[in-house]
N, C-alpha and C. Protein backbone atom coordinates (compact mmCIF):
# COMPACT_ATOMS: atom_id res chain seq x y z
N MET A 1 -26.07 -60.11 66.84
CA MET A 1 -24.65 -60.14 66.64
C MET A 1 -24.36 -60.60 65.18
N THR A 2 -23.61 -59.85 64.43
CA THR A 2 -23.28 -60.21 63.06
C THR A 2 -21.86 -60.90 63.12
N ARG A 3 -21.82 -62.13 62.61
CA ARG A 3 -20.61 -62.98 62.73
C ARG A 3 -19.83 -62.90 61.37
N ILE A 4 -18.55 -62.67 61.48
CA ILE A 4 -17.74 -62.36 60.27
C ILE A 4 -16.57 -63.32 60.16
N VAL A 5 -16.31 -63.70 58.87
CA VAL A 5 -15.05 -64.32 58.49
C VAL A 5 -14.34 -63.40 57.56
N ILE A 6 -13.01 -63.28 57.76
CA ILE A 6 -12.17 -62.40 56.97
C ILE A 6 -11.26 -63.28 56.14
N ALA A 7 -11.22 -63.09 54.81
CA ALA A 7 -10.33 -63.82 53.94
C ALA A 7 -9.38 -62.85 53.16
N ASP A 8 -8.15 -62.93 53.49
CA ASP A 8 -7.11 -62.12 52.83
C ASP A 8 -5.75 -62.76 52.99
N ASP A 9 -4.95 -62.70 51.98
CA ASP A 9 -3.67 -63.44 52.03
C ASP A 9 -2.61 -62.66 52.82
N GLN A 10 -2.98 -61.45 53.30
CA GLN A 10 -1.98 -60.64 54.10
C GLN A 10 -2.45 -60.69 55.55
N ALA A 11 -1.59 -61.25 56.46
CA ALA A 11 -1.92 -61.44 57.82
C ALA A 11 -2.19 -60.07 58.53
N MET A 12 -1.43 -59.06 58.17
CA MET A 12 -1.62 -57.74 58.80
C MET A 12 -2.95 -57.14 58.40
N VAL A 13 -3.36 -57.36 57.17
CA VAL A 13 -4.63 -56.83 56.75
C VAL A 13 -5.76 -57.48 57.51
N ARG A 14 -5.71 -58.85 57.63
CA ARG A 14 -6.72 -59.57 58.39
C ARG A 14 -6.79 -59.06 59.80
N ALA A 15 -5.62 -58.94 60.44
CA ALA A 15 -5.55 -58.49 61.83
C ALA A 15 -6.10 -57.09 62.00
N GLY A 16 -5.83 -56.21 61.02
CA GLY A 16 -6.33 -54.84 61.11
C GLY A 16 -7.85 -54.75 61.00
N PHE A 17 -8.39 -55.50 60.00
CA PHE A 17 -9.87 -55.55 59.89
C PHE A 17 -10.50 -56.15 61.10
N ALA A 18 -9.94 -57.21 61.66
CA ALA A 18 -10.50 -57.90 62.81
C ALA A 18 -10.53 -56.92 64.01
N ALA A 19 -9.47 -56.18 64.19
CA ALA A 19 -9.43 -55.25 65.29
C ALA A 19 -10.46 -54.16 65.20
N LEU A 20 -10.66 -53.63 63.99
CA LEU A 20 -11.64 -52.63 63.77
C LEU A 20 -13.02 -53.12 63.99
N LEU A 21 -13.32 -54.30 63.50
CA LEU A 21 -14.69 -54.86 63.57
C LEU A 21 -15.04 -55.27 65.01
N ASN A 22 -14.05 -55.94 65.66
CA ASN A 22 -14.31 -56.44 67.02
C ASN A 22 -14.49 -55.32 68.02
N ALA A 23 -14.15 -54.08 67.65
CA ALA A 23 -14.36 -52.94 68.49
C ALA A 23 -15.83 -52.55 68.62
N HIS A 24 -16.67 -53.17 67.77
CA HIS A 24 -18.10 -52.88 67.76
C HIS A 24 -18.87 -53.98 68.45
N ALA A 25 -19.73 -53.61 69.35
CA ALA A 25 -20.43 -54.58 70.19
C ALA A 25 -21.37 -55.45 69.39
N ASP A 26 -21.78 -55.03 68.23
CA ASP A 26 -22.73 -55.87 67.44
C ASP A 26 -22.07 -56.72 66.36
N ILE A 27 -20.79 -56.72 66.34
CA ILE A 27 -20.00 -57.46 65.30
C ILE A 27 -18.92 -58.34 65.93
N GLU A 28 -18.80 -59.54 65.47
CA GLU A 28 -17.79 -60.47 65.97
C GLU A 28 -17.08 -61.17 64.85
N VAL A 29 -15.73 -61.09 64.82
CA VAL A 29 -14.93 -61.84 63.84
C VAL A 29 -14.70 -63.25 64.41
N ILE A 30 -15.26 -64.23 63.70
CA ILE A 30 -15.19 -65.59 64.22
C ILE A 30 -14.14 -66.49 63.52
N GLY A 31 -13.54 -65.98 62.43
CA GLY A 31 -12.52 -66.77 61.74
C GLY A 31 -11.78 -65.94 60.67
N GLN A 32 -10.56 -66.40 60.34
CA GLN A 32 -9.73 -65.73 59.36
C GLN A 32 -9.14 -66.77 58.45
N ALA A 33 -9.10 -66.39 57.19
CA ALA A 33 -8.54 -67.33 56.16
C ALA A 33 -7.53 -66.65 55.33
N GLU A 34 -6.48 -67.38 54.95
CA GLU A 34 -5.37 -66.80 54.17
C GLU A 34 -5.53 -67.04 52.63
N ASP A 35 -6.53 -67.84 52.25
CA ASP A 35 -6.79 -68.08 50.81
C ASP A 35 -8.24 -68.51 50.60
N GLY A 36 -8.65 -68.56 49.39
CA GLY A 36 -10.07 -68.82 49.12
C GLY A 36 -10.48 -70.23 49.54
N ALA A 37 -9.62 -71.20 49.36
CA ALA A 37 -9.95 -72.60 49.72
C ALA A 37 -10.17 -72.72 51.20
N HIS A 38 -9.30 -72.07 51.98
CA HIS A 38 -9.43 -72.08 53.50
C HIS A 38 -10.74 -71.37 53.83
N CYS A 39 -11.05 -70.34 53.13
CA CYS A 39 -12.26 -69.53 53.44
C CYS A 39 -13.55 -70.43 53.24
N VAL A 40 -13.56 -71.15 52.12
CA VAL A 40 -14.66 -72.04 51.85
C VAL A 40 -14.85 -73.05 52.98
N ASP A 41 -13.80 -73.62 53.44
CA ASP A 41 -13.88 -74.58 54.54
C ASP A 41 -14.34 -73.92 55.83
N LEU A 42 -13.85 -72.71 56.13
CA LEU A 42 -14.26 -72.05 57.35
C LEU A 42 -15.75 -71.67 57.33
N VAL A 43 -16.23 -71.22 56.17
CA VAL A 43 -17.64 -70.91 56.05
C VAL A 43 -18.51 -72.11 56.30
N ALA A 44 -18.06 -73.26 55.74
CA ALA A 44 -18.80 -74.52 55.91
C ALA A 44 -18.86 -74.91 57.38
N ASP A 45 -17.80 -74.68 58.14
CA ASP A 45 -17.65 -75.05 59.53
C ASP A 45 -18.36 -74.02 60.45
N LEU A 46 -18.22 -72.77 60.13
CA LEU A 46 -18.66 -71.68 61.10
C LEU A 46 -19.98 -71.01 60.74
N ASP A 47 -20.41 -71.10 59.49
CA ASP A 47 -21.68 -70.53 59.02
C ASP A 47 -21.77 -69.07 59.44
N PRO A 48 -20.87 -68.22 58.97
CA PRO A 48 -20.95 -66.77 59.28
C PRO A 48 -22.02 -66.07 58.59
N ASP A 49 -22.36 -64.87 59.06
CA ASP A 49 -23.34 -64.03 58.36
C ASP A 49 -22.68 -63.32 57.15
N ILE A 50 -21.45 -62.90 57.33
CA ILE A 50 -20.78 -62.08 56.30
C ILE A 50 -19.34 -62.60 56.11
N VAL A 51 -18.87 -62.57 54.87
CA VAL A 51 -17.46 -62.84 54.61
C VAL A 51 -16.90 -61.57 53.97
N LEU A 52 -15.75 -61.05 54.51
CA LEU A 52 -14.99 -60.03 53.89
C LEU A 52 -13.97 -60.78 53.03
N MET A 53 -14.14 -60.67 51.70
CA MET A 53 -13.33 -61.52 50.80
C MET A 53 -12.42 -60.72 49.90
N ASP A 54 -11.14 -60.96 50.01
CA ASP A 54 -10.17 -60.30 49.08
C ASP A 54 -10.35 -60.94 47.72
N VAL A 55 -10.19 -60.14 46.70
CA VAL A 55 -10.38 -60.65 45.29
C VAL A 55 -9.26 -61.54 44.90
N ARG A 56 -8.06 -61.10 45.11
CA ARG A 56 -6.86 -61.86 44.64
C ARG A 56 -6.16 -62.61 45.78
N MET A 57 -6.30 -63.91 45.76
CA MET A 57 -5.68 -64.79 46.76
C MET A 57 -5.14 -66.01 46.11
N PRO A 58 -4.15 -66.64 46.76
CA PRO A 58 -3.55 -67.90 46.17
C PRO A 58 -4.51 -69.09 46.36
N LEU A 59 -4.23 -70.14 45.65
CA LEU A 59 -4.92 -71.44 45.68
C LEU A 59 -6.31 -71.35 45.05
N MET A 60 -7.13 -70.48 45.62
CA MET A 60 -8.46 -70.21 45.05
C MET A 60 -8.71 -68.71 45.26
N ASP A 61 -9.03 -67.99 44.18
CA ASP A 61 -9.26 -66.58 44.31
C ASP A 61 -10.58 -66.28 44.89
N GLY A 62 -10.81 -64.99 45.16
CA GLY A 62 -12.09 -64.58 45.80
C GLY A 62 -13.29 -64.83 45.03
N ILE A 63 -13.20 -64.72 43.69
CA ILE A 63 -14.33 -64.95 42.81
C ILE A 63 -14.80 -66.43 42.92
N GLU A 64 -13.86 -67.35 42.77
CA GLU A 64 -14.22 -68.76 42.78
C GLU A 64 -14.74 -69.16 44.22
N ALA A 65 -14.10 -68.58 45.26
CA ALA A 65 -14.53 -68.86 46.59
C ALA A 65 -15.97 -68.34 46.80
N THR A 66 -16.20 -67.14 46.27
CA THR A 66 -17.60 -66.59 46.43
C THR A 66 -18.58 -67.48 45.73
N ARG A 67 -18.30 -67.88 44.53
CA ARG A 67 -19.21 -68.77 43.76
C ARG A 67 -19.49 -70.04 44.51
N THR A 68 -18.45 -70.65 45.10
CA THR A 68 -18.60 -71.89 45.86
C THR A 68 -19.45 -71.69 47.12
N ILE A 69 -19.16 -70.57 47.81
CA ILE A 69 -19.90 -70.33 49.09
C ILE A 69 -21.38 -70.06 48.77
N VAL A 70 -21.67 -69.24 47.80
CA VAL A 70 -23.05 -68.86 47.43
C VAL A 70 -23.84 -70.12 47.02
N ALA A 71 -23.17 -70.96 46.25
CA ALA A 71 -23.85 -72.20 45.77
C ALA A 71 -24.21 -73.13 46.92
N ALA A 72 -23.33 -73.12 47.96
CA ALA A 72 -23.57 -74.06 49.09
C ALA A 72 -24.41 -73.49 50.21
N ASN A 73 -24.33 -72.09 50.37
CA ASN A 73 -25.00 -71.50 51.51
C ASN A 73 -25.53 -70.14 51.05
N ALA A 74 -26.86 -70.16 50.81
CA ALA A 74 -27.49 -68.94 50.29
C ALA A 74 -27.59 -67.81 51.37
N GLU A 75 -27.36 -68.12 52.60
CA GLU A 75 -27.52 -67.16 53.68
C GLU A 75 -26.31 -66.28 53.90
N THR A 76 -25.11 -66.84 53.69
CA THR A 76 -23.89 -66.08 53.93
C THR A 76 -23.72 -65.10 52.82
N ARG A 77 -23.44 -63.85 53.17
CA ARG A 77 -23.30 -62.76 52.18
C ARG A 77 -21.84 -62.35 52.09
N ILE A 78 -21.42 -61.98 50.92
CA ILE A 78 -20.04 -61.66 50.64
C ILE A 78 -19.77 -60.21 50.35
N ILE A 79 -18.87 -59.60 51.00
CA ILE A 79 -18.35 -58.27 50.67
C ILE A 79 -16.93 -58.44 50.07
N MET A 80 -16.75 -58.04 48.81
CA MET A 80 -15.47 -58.16 48.18
C MET A 80 -14.60 -56.96 48.59
N LEU A 81 -13.33 -57.27 48.95
CA LEU A 81 -12.39 -56.19 49.28
C LEU A 81 -11.47 -56.03 48.07
N THR A 82 -11.39 -54.86 47.54
CA THR A 82 -10.61 -54.58 46.37
C THR A 82 -9.60 -53.46 46.64
N THR A 83 -8.46 -53.52 46.01
CA THR A 83 -7.41 -52.48 46.13
C THR A 83 -7.69 -51.35 45.12
N PHE A 84 -8.20 -51.70 43.95
CA PHE A 84 -8.43 -50.78 42.91
C PHE A 84 -9.91 -50.77 42.47
N ASP A 85 -10.47 -49.61 42.28
CA ASP A 85 -11.90 -49.56 41.86
C ASP A 85 -12.09 -49.98 40.44
N ILE A 86 -10.99 -50.20 39.67
CA ILE A 86 -11.12 -50.59 38.28
C ILE A 86 -10.78 -52.06 38.14
N ASP A 87 -10.86 -52.80 39.23
CA ASP A 87 -10.50 -54.18 39.26
C ASP A 87 -11.29 -54.97 38.20
N ASP A 88 -10.58 -55.71 37.37
CA ASP A 88 -11.20 -56.42 36.27
C ASP A 88 -12.20 -57.46 36.75
N TYR A 89 -12.08 -57.84 38.04
CA TYR A 89 -12.93 -58.90 38.55
C TYR A 89 -14.25 -58.44 39.11
N VAL A 90 -14.48 -57.10 39.11
CA VAL A 90 -15.66 -56.58 39.72
C VAL A 90 -16.92 -57.24 39.17
N PHE A 91 -17.06 -57.34 37.88
CA PHE A 91 -18.29 -57.82 37.27
C PHE A 91 -18.48 -59.27 37.45
N ASP A 92 -17.39 -60.00 37.39
CA ASP A 92 -17.47 -61.47 37.64
C ASP A 92 -17.91 -61.74 39.09
N ALA A 93 -17.38 -60.91 40.00
CA ALA A 93 -17.75 -61.13 41.44
C ALA A 93 -19.24 -60.83 41.67
N ILE A 94 -19.78 -59.84 41.05
CA ILE A 94 -21.21 -59.60 41.24
C ILE A 94 -22.04 -60.76 40.71
N ARG A 95 -21.64 -61.26 39.54
CA ARG A 95 -22.36 -62.42 38.97
C ARG A 95 -22.15 -63.67 39.82
N ALA A 96 -21.02 -63.74 40.48
CA ALA A 96 -20.72 -64.93 41.35
C ALA A 96 -21.58 -64.88 42.58
N GLY A 97 -22.17 -63.72 42.90
CA GLY A 97 -23.05 -63.58 44.12
C GLY A 97 -22.58 -62.65 45.17
N ALA A 98 -21.53 -61.87 44.91
CA ALA A 98 -21.12 -60.89 45.88
C ALA A 98 -22.19 -59.85 46.13
N SER A 99 -22.36 -59.48 47.36
CA SER A 99 -23.38 -58.53 47.73
C SER A 99 -22.85 -57.08 47.89
N GLY A 100 -21.55 -56.93 47.76
CA GLY A 100 -21.01 -55.57 47.91
C GLY A 100 -19.54 -55.55 47.66
N PHE A 101 -19.01 -54.35 47.47
CA PHE A 101 -17.63 -54.04 47.29
C PHE A 101 -17.18 -52.93 48.22
N LEU A 102 -16.01 -53.10 48.77
CA LEU A 102 -15.46 -52.04 49.57
C LEU A 102 -13.94 -51.92 49.25
N LEU A 103 -13.55 -50.67 48.99
CA LEU A 103 -12.18 -50.45 48.65
C LEU A 103 -11.37 -50.54 49.96
N LYS A 104 -10.15 -51.13 49.87
CA LYS A 104 -9.31 -51.34 51.04
C LYS A 104 -8.88 -50.02 51.65
N ASP A 105 -8.83 -48.97 50.81
CA ASP A 105 -8.35 -47.69 51.33
C ASP A 105 -9.51 -46.81 51.77
N ALA A 106 -10.70 -47.40 51.97
CA ALA A 106 -11.82 -46.67 52.50
C ALA A 106 -11.59 -46.29 53.97
N PRO A 107 -12.14 -45.18 54.44
CA PRO A 107 -11.97 -44.82 55.84
C PRO A 107 -12.45 -45.97 56.76
N PRO A 108 -11.73 -46.22 57.88
CA PRO A 108 -12.09 -47.25 58.82
C PRO A 108 -13.54 -47.18 59.32
N SER A 109 -14.09 -46.00 59.41
CA SER A 109 -15.45 -45.86 59.85
C SER A 109 -16.48 -46.49 58.92
N GLU A 110 -16.07 -46.67 57.66
CA GLU A 110 -16.99 -47.26 56.66
C GLU A 110 -17.09 -48.79 56.78
N LEU A 111 -16.08 -49.37 57.38
CA LEU A 111 -16.03 -50.85 57.41
C LEU A 111 -17.21 -51.42 58.17
N ALA A 112 -17.45 -50.99 59.39
CA ALA A 112 -18.56 -51.55 60.16
C ALA A 112 -19.88 -51.24 59.55
N GLU A 113 -19.97 -50.04 58.99
CA GLU A 113 -21.24 -49.65 58.35
C GLU A 113 -21.53 -50.46 57.12
N ALA A 114 -20.47 -50.82 56.39
CA ALA A 114 -20.60 -51.72 55.24
C ALA A 114 -21.14 -53.12 55.66
N VAL A 115 -20.61 -53.62 56.76
CA VAL A 115 -21.08 -54.87 57.26
C VAL A 115 -22.55 -54.80 57.65
N ARG A 116 -22.95 -53.73 58.32
CA ARG A 116 -24.36 -53.62 58.74
C ARG A 116 -25.26 -53.48 57.55
N ILE A 117 -24.85 -52.74 56.52
CA ILE A 117 -25.70 -52.57 55.36
C ILE A 117 -25.95 -53.90 54.66
N VAL A 118 -24.89 -54.66 54.45
CA VAL A 118 -25.05 -55.94 53.76
C VAL A 118 -25.72 -56.97 54.66
N ALA A 119 -25.50 -56.93 55.95
CA ALA A 119 -26.17 -57.89 56.86
C ALA A 119 -27.70 -57.59 56.87
N GLY A 120 -28.04 -56.30 56.63
CA GLY A 120 -29.47 -55.92 56.59
C GLY A 120 -30.15 -56.23 55.26
N GLY A 121 -29.44 -56.83 54.37
CA GLY A 121 -30.11 -57.25 53.11
C GLY A 121 -29.86 -56.29 51.94
N GLU A 122 -29.12 -55.28 52.17
CA GLU A 122 -28.90 -54.30 51.11
C GLU A 122 -27.62 -54.65 50.29
N ALA A 123 -27.46 -54.09 49.12
CA ALA A 123 -26.19 -54.24 48.39
C ALA A 123 -25.32 -53.04 48.60
N LEU A 124 -24.06 -53.19 48.56
CA LEU A 124 -23.11 -52.14 48.88
C LEU A 124 -22.13 -52.04 47.71
N LEU A 125 -22.11 -50.90 47.06
CA LEU A 125 -21.12 -50.64 46.02
C LEU A 125 -20.44 -49.33 46.32
N ALA A 126 -19.13 -49.28 46.46
CA ALA A 126 -18.45 -47.99 46.61
C ALA A 126 -18.77 -47.17 45.38
N PRO A 127 -18.91 -45.81 45.60
CA PRO A 127 -19.28 -44.95 44.48
C PRO A 127 -18.45 -45.07 43.21
N SER A 128 -17.16 -45.19 43.43
CA SER A 128 -16.30 -45.39 42.25
C SER A 128 -16.54 -46.70 41.50
N VAL A 129 -16.86 -47.77 42.32
CA VAL A 129 -17.15 -49.08 41.70
C VAL A 129 -18.46 -49.01 40.97
N THR A 130 -19.48 -48.28 41.59
CA THR A 130 -20.79 -48.12 40.86
C THR A 130 -20.56 -47.47 39.55
N LYS A 131 -19.69 -46.45 39.50
CA LYS A 131 -19.44 -45.75 38.25
C LYS A 131 -18.87 -46.69 37.20
N ARG A 132 -17.95 -47.60 37.59
CA ARG A 132 -17.39 -48.60 36.66
C ARG A 132 -18.45 -49.55 36.20
N VAL A 133 -19.34 -49.93 37.07
CA VAL A 133 -20.42 -50.86 36.66
C VAL A 133 -21.30 -50.20 35.59
N ILE A 134 -21.65 -48.93 35.83
CA ILE A 134 -22.46 -48.22 34.86
C ILE A 134 -21.72 -48.08 33.55
N GLU A 135 -20.47 -47.73 33.58
CA GLU A 135 -19.72 -47.59 32.34
C GLU A 135 -19.56 -48.92 31.61
N HIS A 136 -19.43 -49.98 32.35
CA HIS A 136 -19.28 -51.31 31.75
C HIS A 136 -20.52 -51.70 30.97
N PHE A 137 -21.71 -51.30 31.48
CA PHE A 137 -22.92 -51.68 30.79
C PHE A 137 -23.49 -50.57 29.92
N ALA A 138 -22.67 -49.54 29.74
CA ALA A 138 -23.14 -48.40 28.86
C ALA A 138 -23.33 -48.83 27.43
N THR A 139 -24.34 -48.37 26.78
CA THR A 139 -24.56 -48.62 25.38
C THR A 139 -24.82 -47.23 24.74
N GLY A 140 -23.77 -46.68 24.11
CA GLY A 140 -23.76 -45.32 23.65
C GLY A 140 -24.98 -44.94 22.80
N GLY A 141 -25.71 -43.91 23.16
CA GLY A 141 -26.72 -43.37 22.36
C GLY A 141 -28.05 -44.15 22.44
N GLN A 142 -28.04 -45.24 23.14
CA GLN A 142 -29.28 -46.05 23.22
C GLN A 142 -30.26 -45.40 24.20
N LYS A 143 -31.54 -45.39 23.84
CA LYS A 143 -32.58 -44.86 24.69
C LYS A 143 -33.07 -45.97 25.66
N PRO A 144 -33.47 -45.60 26.84
CA PRO A 144 -34.01 -46.59 27.79
C PRO A 144 -35.16 -47.31 27.18
N ASN A 145 -35.29 -48.59 27.48
CA ASN A 145 -36.41 -49.43 27.05
C ASN A 145 -37.32 -49.64 28.22
N ARG A 146 -38.34 -48.83 28.30
CA ARG A 146 -39.26 -48.86 29.46
C ARG A 146 -40.14 -50.11 29.46
N THR A 147 -40.06 -50.95 28.44
CA THR A 147 -40.89 -52.17 28.45
C THR A 147 -39.97 -53.41 28.64
N ALA A 148 -38.68 -53.15 28.89
CA ALA A 148 -37.75 -54.27 29.18
C ALA A 148 -38.19 -55.01 30.46
N LEU A 149 -37.69 -56.18 30.63
CA LEU A 149 -38.03 -57.04 31.79
C LEU A 149 -39.55 -57.11 31.93
N PRO A 150 -40.24 -57.78 30.98
CA PRO A 150 -41.69 -57.82 30.99
C PRO A 150 -42.28 -58.56 32.17
N GLU A 151 -41.46 -59.35 32.86
CA GLU A 151 -41.98 -60.05 34.05
C GLU A 151 -42.27 -59.11 35.23
N LEU A 152 -41.74 -57.86 35.10
CA LEU A 152 -42.02 -56.86 36.18
C LEU A 152 -43.17 -56.04 35.83
N THR A 153 -43.88 -55.58 36.87
CA THR A 153 -44.98 -54.59 36.65
C THR A 153 -44.34 -53.22 36.39
N ASP A 154 -45.24 -52.29 35.92
CA ASP A 154 -44.75 -50.92 35.72
C ASP A 154 -44.15 -50.30 36.94
N ARG A 155 -44.80 -50.51 38.07
CA ARG A 155 -44.32 -49.98 39.32
C ARG A 155 -42.97 -50.61 39.70
N GLU A 156 -42.83 -51.90 39.50
CA GLU A 156 -41.57 -52.58 39.79
C GLU A 156 -40.45 -52.07 38.92
N ARG A 157 -40.73 -51.87 37.66
CA ARG A 157 -39.69 -51.29 36.77
C ARG A 157 -39.30 -49.85 37.24
N GLU A 158 -40.33 -49.10 37.65
CA GLU A 158 -40.05 -47.73 38.12
C GLU A 158 -39.11 -47.79 39.35
N ILE A 159 -39.36 -48.66 40.21
CA ILE A 159 -38.54 -48.80 41.42
C ILE A 159 -37.17 -49.31 41.12
N LEU A 160 -37.07 -50.29 40.16
CA LEU A 160 -35.77 -50.85 39.81
C LEU A 160 -34.93 -49.81 39.18
N ILE A 161 -35.49 -48.86 38.39
CA ILE A 161 -34.77 -47.77 37.81
C ILE A 161 -34.13 -46.92 38.87
N GLN A 162 -34.90 -46.64 39.93
CA GLN A 162 -34.37 -45.81 41.04
C GLN A 162 -33.27 -46.56 41.81
N VAL A 163 -33.44 -47.89 41.97
CA VAL A 163 -32.44 -48.73 42.68
C VAL A 163 -31.15 -48.66 41.82
N ALA A 164 -31.29 -48.78 40.50
CA ALA A 164 -30.10 -48.74 39.67
C ALA A 164 -29.36 -47.39 39.71
N ARG A 165 -30.06 -46.37 40.08
CA ARG A 165 -29.44 -45.03 40.16
C ARG A 165 -28.87 -44.78 41.55
N GLY A 166 -29.01 -45.82 42.43
CA GLY A 166 -28.40 -45.71 43.76
C GLY A 166 -29.27 -45.22 44.87
N ALA A 167 -30.58 -45.07 44.61
CA ALA A 167 -31.48 -44.53 45.63
C ALA A 167 -31.75 -45.60 46.68
N SER A 168 -31.85 -45.16 47.94
CA SER A 168 -32.16 -46.01 49.05
C SER A 168 -33.69 -46.25 49.09
N ASN A 169 -34.12 -47.21 49.92
CA ASN A 169 -35.55 -47.46 50.08
C ASN A 169 -36.31 -46.18 50.59
N THR A 170 -35.67 -45.47 51.49
CA THR A 170 -36.27 -44.26 52.02
C THR A 170 -36.42 -43.23 50.96
N GLU A 171 -35.39 -43.04 50.13
CA GLU A 171 -35.42 -42.04 49.05
C GLU A 171 -36.48 -42.41 48.00
N ILE A 172 -36.56 -43.70 47.66
CA ILE A 172 -37.54 -44.16 46.73
C ILE A 172 -38.99 -43.92 47.26
N ALA A 173 -39.17 -44.21 48.52
CA ALA A 173 -40.48 -44.03 49.14
C ALA A 173 -40.92 -42.54 49.10
N ALA A 174 -39.96 -41.67 49.37
CA ALA A 174 -40.25 -40.25 49.36
C ALA A 174 -40.60 -39.75 47.96
N SER A 175 -39.84 -40.22 46.97
CA SER A 175 -40.07 -39.76 45.59
C SER A 175 -41.42 -40.23 44.99
N LEU A 176 -41.81 -41.44 45.47
CA LEU A 176 -43.04 -42.04 44.90
C LEU A 176 -44.24 -41.85 45.82
N HIS A 177 -43.98 -41.24 47.00
CA HIS A 177 -45.06 -40.94 47.99
C HIS A 177 -45.73 -42.30 48.44
N ILE A 178 -44.90 -43.21 48.75
CA ILE A 178 -45.43 -44.50 49.28
C ILE A 178 -44.61 -44.88 50.55
N ALA A 179 -45.07 -45.89 51.28
CA ALA A 179 -44.41 -46.25 52.50
C ALA A 179 -43.12 -47.00 52.21
N VAL A 180 -42.12 -46.84 53.12
CA VAL A 180 -40.86 -47.59 52.96
C VAL A 180 -41.07 -49.09 52.93
N GLN A 181 -41.98 -49.60 53.76
CA GLN A 181 -42.31 -51.02 53.73
C GLN A 181 -42.84 -51.48 52.36
N THR A 182 -43.59 -50.59 51.69
CA THR A 182 -44.11 -50.91 50.38
C THR A 182 -42.96 -51.05 49.41
N VAL A 183 -42.01 -50.17 49.53
CA VAL A 183 -40.83 -50.23 48.62
C VAL A 183 -40.06 -51.52 48.88
N LYS A 184 -39.89 -51.89 50.16
CA LYS A 184 -39.19 -53.13 50.47
C LYS A 184 -39.89 -54.34 49.87
N THR A 185 -41.24 -54.31 49.89
CA THR A 185 -42.03 -55.42 49.31
C THR A 185 -41.79 -55.52 47.80
N HIS A 186 -41.83 -54.34 47.15
CA HIS A 186 -41.61 -54.28 45.69
C HIS A 186 -40.20 -54.81 45.40
N VAL A 187 -39.20 -54.38 46.16
CA VAL A 187 -37.84 -54.84 45.91
C VAL A 187 -37.70 -56.31 46.00
N SER A 188 -38.32 -56.84 47.08
CA SER A 188 -38.29 -58.31 47.25
C SER A 188 -38.90 -59.07 46.06
N ARG A 189 -39.97 -58.54 45.59
CA ARG A 189 -40.65 -59.16 44.38
C ARG A 189 -39.76 -59.03 43.17
N ILE A 190 -39.10 -57.90 43.04
CA ILE A 190 -38.21 -57.73 41.89
C ILE A 190 -37.04 -58.74 41.89
N LEU A 191 -36.45 -58.92 43.08
CA LEU A 191 -35.39 -59.89 43.25
C LEU A 191 -35.90 -61.28 42.91
N TYR A 192 -37.06 -61.62 43.38
CA TYR A 192 -37.60 -62.93 43.15
C TYR A 192 -37.84 -63.18 41.68
N LYS A 193 -38.45 -62.19 41.01
CA LYS A 193 -38.82 -62.37 39.57
C LYS A 193 -37.56 -62.40 38.72
N LEU A 194 -36.49 -61.67 39.10
CA LEU A 194 -35.26 -61.66 38.26
C LEU A 194 -34.30 -62.73 38.71
N ASP A 195 -34.66 -63.52 39.71
CA ASP A 195 -33.78 -64.56 40.24
C ASP A 195 -32.45 -63.90 40.65
N ALA A 196 -32.53 -62.73 41.27
CA ALA A 196 -31.36 -61.99 41.67
C ALA A 196 -31.13 -62.17 43.12
N ARG A 197 -29.88 -62.39 43.50
CA ARG A 197 -29.56 -62.61 44.92
C ARG A 197 -29.75 -61.34 45.72
N ASP A 198 -29.43 -60.16 45.15
CA ASP A 198 -29.56 -58.94 45.89
C ASP A 198 -29.68 -57.79 44.87
N ARG A 199 -29.65 -56.58 45.41
CA ARG A 199 -29.84 -55.37 44.62
C ARG A 199 -28.69 -55.19 43.54
N ALA A 200 -27.50 -55.63 43.88
CA ALA A 200 -26.42 -55.46 42.94
C ALA A 200 -26.72 -56.23 41.61
N GLN A 201 -27.16 -57.46 41.78
CA GLN A 201 -27.49 -58.26 40.59
C GLN A 201 -28.74 -57.72 39.85
N ALA A 202 -29.68 -57.15 40.62
CA ALA A 202 -30.89 -56.54 39.96
C ALA A 202 -30.42 -55.32 39.17
N VAL A 203 -29.48 -54.60 39.66
CA VAL A 203 -28.96 -53.43 38.92
C VAL A 203 -28.33 -53.83 37.60
N ILE A 204 -27.57 -54.94 37.60
CA ILE A 204 -27.00 -55.43 36.41
C ILE A 204 -28.05 -55.78 35.39
N ALA A 205 -29.10 -56.47 35.90
CA ALA A 205 -30.21 -56.85 34.97
C ALA A 205 -30.85 -55.60 34.38
N ALA A 206 -30.96 -54.56 35.18
CA ALA A 206 -31.58 -53.29 34.61
C ALA A 206 -30.74 -52.73 33.48
N TYR A 207 -29.40 -52.74 33.61
CA TYR A 207 -28.54 -52.26 32.52
C TYR A 207 -28.48 -53.16 31.36
N GLU A 208 -28.35 -54.46 31.62
CA GLU A 208 -28.22 -55.44 30.56
C GLU A 208 -29.47 -55.50 29.68
N SER A 209 -30.59 -55.32 30.31
CA SER A 209 -31.89 -55.39 29.60
C SER A 209 -32.18 -54.13 28.78
N GLY A 210 -31.45 -53.05 29.13
CA GLY A 210 -31.78 -51.75 28.47
C GLY A 210 -32.86 -50.98 29.17
N LEU A 211 -33.35 -51.52 30.32
CA LEU A 211 -34.38 -50.76 31.06
C LEU A 211 -33.82 -49.37 31.39
N ILE A 212 -32.56 -49.28 31.71
CA ILE A 212 -31.95 -47.99 32.02
C ILE A 212 -30.58 -47.96 31.38
N VAL A 213 -30.23 -46.81 30.92
CA VAL A 213 -28.87 -46.59 30.35
C VAL A 213 -28.24 -45.38 31.03
N PRO A 214 -26.90 -45.31 31.07
CA PRO A 214 -26.26 -44.19 31.75
C PRO A 214 -26.70 -42.84 31.22
N ASN A 215 -26.87 -41.91 32.19
CA ASN A 215 -27.21 -40.53 31.88
C ASN A 215 -28.64 -40.38 31.27
N SER A 216 -29.47 -41.45 31.38
CA SER A 216 -30.86 -41.35 30.84
C SER A 216 -31.72 -40.64 31.87
């Protein structure tokens, strides 16, 4: 059972998300918060698996709440809820420790799947948000630096490049002709070496280091 806390300053939004999620047998909404400060307190009390966190809230916004929760509890994972895919807070939220982003106007069927993806240890970025991340770290005309991130092995850099391009573990395994479990092991080592909380932060490291550049 995946236990969820929902943080949003709009009561109807919270109620709608709760109804959608509670309709699934493997998901339970155990708490709701109207602002970031309340959310931090709820997480401390309830120890949920996932928090659905609105970015813009009174008293304490979603970025600061995420930073506080991640610092205190490394197990709870955060999915940021955004109204616009060009939200200025996207990059700050990833650095604060958010494991994924979901647009509020996404189809209802994507909500439970997003929870399952993040609960399973993957990072979740809506395609339009991924595009903004890539554009944000774009360095016009620069060639990829295949020796960047020297702490990684050649194989780990190869896998991180594919992760940064949005490939799943299964897709990476197929392209490299290795087992999915082997890919998972490599990804775990990449995260450890980069001190990255999840794949989203590893992707940022790939772009910031110049290991990969857009359209390369």
